[in-house]
């Protein structure tokens, strides 16, 4: 009977190198066969990525425009409120001035009536 011969370290290294080389050749053959598909997929991925970036930039611009519009609207609202407050204060001031004038006119009328009554009493006594 023939004895079993164990492979040496060099034999094992050579077998592993051949196996790796076979795997590389198999992968290269597979890659070469799929090269057009891969190129198309990469092109599609690039186009999708660019479209995504364009949409993101557009959303950013729209967001900035919305913020600017909102700021303008808030400023307009503040100006409107300030104008309304000023108008209300002016109306209040006018109303107070008119009230003072009415009170003064009333006091003057009352004084005139009182003086007229006093003069009438004096005239009756004479």
Protein backbone atom coordinates (compact mmCIF):
# COMPACT_ATOMS: atom_id res chain seq x y z
CA UNK A 1 0.00 0.00 0.00
CA UNK A 2 0.98 3.41 -0.80
CA UNK A 3 1.39 5.83 2.08
CA UNK A 4 -0.52 9.10 2.31
CA UNK A 5 1.68 12.03 1.46
CA UNK A 6 0.88 15.25 3.30
CA UNK A 7 1.29 18.47 1.32
CA UNK A 8 4.10 20.72 2.40
CA UNK A 9 3.80 24.37 3.30
CA UNK A 10 4.88 25.44 -0.18
CA UNK A 11 2.30 23.12 -1.77
CA UNK A 12 -0.46 24.54 0.41
CA UNK A 13 0.65 28.11 -0.43
CA UNK A 14 0.63 27.33 -4.17
CA UNK A 15 -2.82 25.75 -3.97
CA UNK A 16 -4.20 28.78 -2.09
CA UNK A 17 -2.64 31.17 -4.64
CA UNK A 18 -4.18 29.17 -7.52
CA UNK A 19 -7.56 29.20 -5.78
CA UNK A 20 -7.34 32.99 -5.26
CA UNK A 21 -6.35 33.49 -8.88
CA UNK A 22 -9.28 31.35 -10.04
CA UNK A 23 -11.66 33.42 -7.88
CA UNK A 24 -10.23 36.66 -9.35
CA UNK A 25 -10.63 35.39 -12.92
CA UNK A 26 -14.18 34.29 -12.17
CA UNK A 27 -15.03 37.73 -10.67
CA UNK A 28 -13.40 39.57 -13.59
CA UNK A 29 -15.32 37.46 -16.10
CA UNK A 30 -18.54 38.17 -14.23
CA UNK A 31 -17.73 41.89 -14.01
CA UNK A 32 -16.89 42.07 -17.70
CA UNK A 33 -20.20 40.45 -18.55
CA UNK A 34 -22.07 42.95 -16.33
CA UNK A 35 -20.04 46.01 -17.33
CA UNK A 36 -22.76 47.62 -19.51
CA UNK A 37 -25.37 47.03 -16.81
CA UNK A 38 -23.10 48.46 -14.13
CA UNK A 39 -22.37 51.54 -16.24
CA UNK A 40 -26.10 52.08 -16.76
CA UNK A 41 -26.78 51.62 -13.06
CA UNK A 42 -24.04 54.07 -12.13
CA UNK A 43 -25.38 56.59 -14.63
CA UNK A 44 -28.89 56.17 -13.20
CA UNK A 45 -27.56 56.56 -9.65
CA UNK A 46 -25.67 59.71 -10.60
CA UNK A 47 -28.77 61.16 -12.28
CA UNK A 48 -30.91 60.33 -9.22
CA UNK A 49 -28.29 61.86 -6.93
CA UNK A 50 -28.12 65.04 -9.00
CA UNK A 51 -31.91 65.28 -9.10
CA UNK A 52 -31.99 64.81 -5.31
CA UNK A 53 -29.44 67.61 -4.88
CA UNK A 54 -31.42 69.89 -7.20
CA UNK A 55 -34.63 69.22 -5.25
CA UNK A 56 -32.82 69.84 -1.95
CA UNK A 57 -31.44 73.15 -3.26
CA UNK A 58 -34.89 74.10 -4.54
CA UNK A 59 -36.45 73.26 -1.15
CA UNK A 60 -33.78 75.35 0.57
CA UNK A 61 -34.51 78.32 -1.71
CA UNK A 62 -38.25 77.93 -1.17
CA UNK A 63 -37.69 77.75 2.58
CA UNK A 64 -35.62 80.95 2.51
CA UNK A 65 -38.26 82.70 0.38
CA UNK A 66 -40.99 81.55 2.77
CA UNK A 67 -38.98 82.82 5.75
CA UNK A 68 -38.42 86.17 4.03
CA UNK A 69 -42.12 86.39 3.14
CA UNK A 70 -43.07 85.54 6.70
CA UNK A 71 -40.66 88.17 8.04
CA UNK A 72 -42.14 90.79 5.68
CA UNK A 73 -45.66 89.81 6.74
CA UNK A 74 -44.70 90.02 10.42
CA UNK A 75 -43.11 93.43 9.86
CA UNK A 76 -46.23 94.63 8.02
CA UNK A 77 -48.40 93.31 10.87
CA UNK A 78 -46.24 95.10 13.45
CA UNK A 79 -46.46 98.33 11.43
CA UNK A 80 -50.23 97.89 11.14
CA UNK A 81 -50.56 97.32 14.89
CA UNK A 82 -48.35 100.33 15.62
CA UNK A 83 -50.46 102.51 13.31
CA UNK A 84 -53.66 101.22 14.92
CA UNK A 85 -52.26 101.90 18.39
CA UNK A 86 -51.19 105.41 17.38
CA UNK A 87 -54.60 106.09 15.83
CA UNK A 88 -56.30 104.79 18.98
CA UNK A 89 -54.14 107.01 21.18
CA UNK A 90 -54.86 110.04 18.99
CA UNK A 91 -58.59 109.28 19.09
CA UNK A 92 -58.41 108.94 22.87
CA UNK A 93 -56.53 112.26 23.12
CA UNK A 94 -59.10 113.96 20.85
CA UNK A 95 -61.96 112.48 22.87
CA UNK A 96 -60.40 113.73 26.11
CA UNK A 97 -59.88 117.19 24.60
CA UNK A 98 -63.50 117.27 23.38
CA UNK A 99 -64.69 116.15 26.81
CA UNK A 100 -62.70 118.96 28.46
CA UNK A 101 -64.17 121.46 25.97
CA UNK A 102 -67.71 120.18 26.62
CA UNK A 103 -67.17 120.39 30.38
CA UNK A 104 -65.85 123.93 30.07
CA UNK A 105 -68.79 124.88 27.83
CA UNK A 106 -71.19 123.30 30.34
CA UNK A 107 -69.58 125.17 33.23
CA UNK A 108 -69.75 128.40 31.23
CA UNK A 109 -73.45 127.78 30.42
CA UNK A 110 -74.19 126.91 34.05
CA UNK A 111 -72.40 130.06 35.19
CA UNK A 112 -74.31 132.12 32.63
CA UNK A 113 -77.61 130.57 33.83
CA UNK A 114 -76.66 131.20 37.47
CA UNK A 115 -75.70 134.78 36.67
CA UNK A 116 -78.97 135.25 34.77
CA UNK A 117 -80.97 133.93 37.74
CA UNK A 118 -79.03 136.15 40.10
CA UNK A 119 -79.61 139.14 37.83
CA UNK A 120 -83.34 138.27 37.62
CA UNK A 121 -83.60 138.12 41.42
CA UNK A 122 -81.80 141.43 41.72
CA UNK A 123 -84.15 142.92 39.12
CA UNK A 124 -87.21 141.68 41.02
CA UNK A 125 -86.01 143.22 44.28
CA UNK A 126 -85.59 146.65 42.79
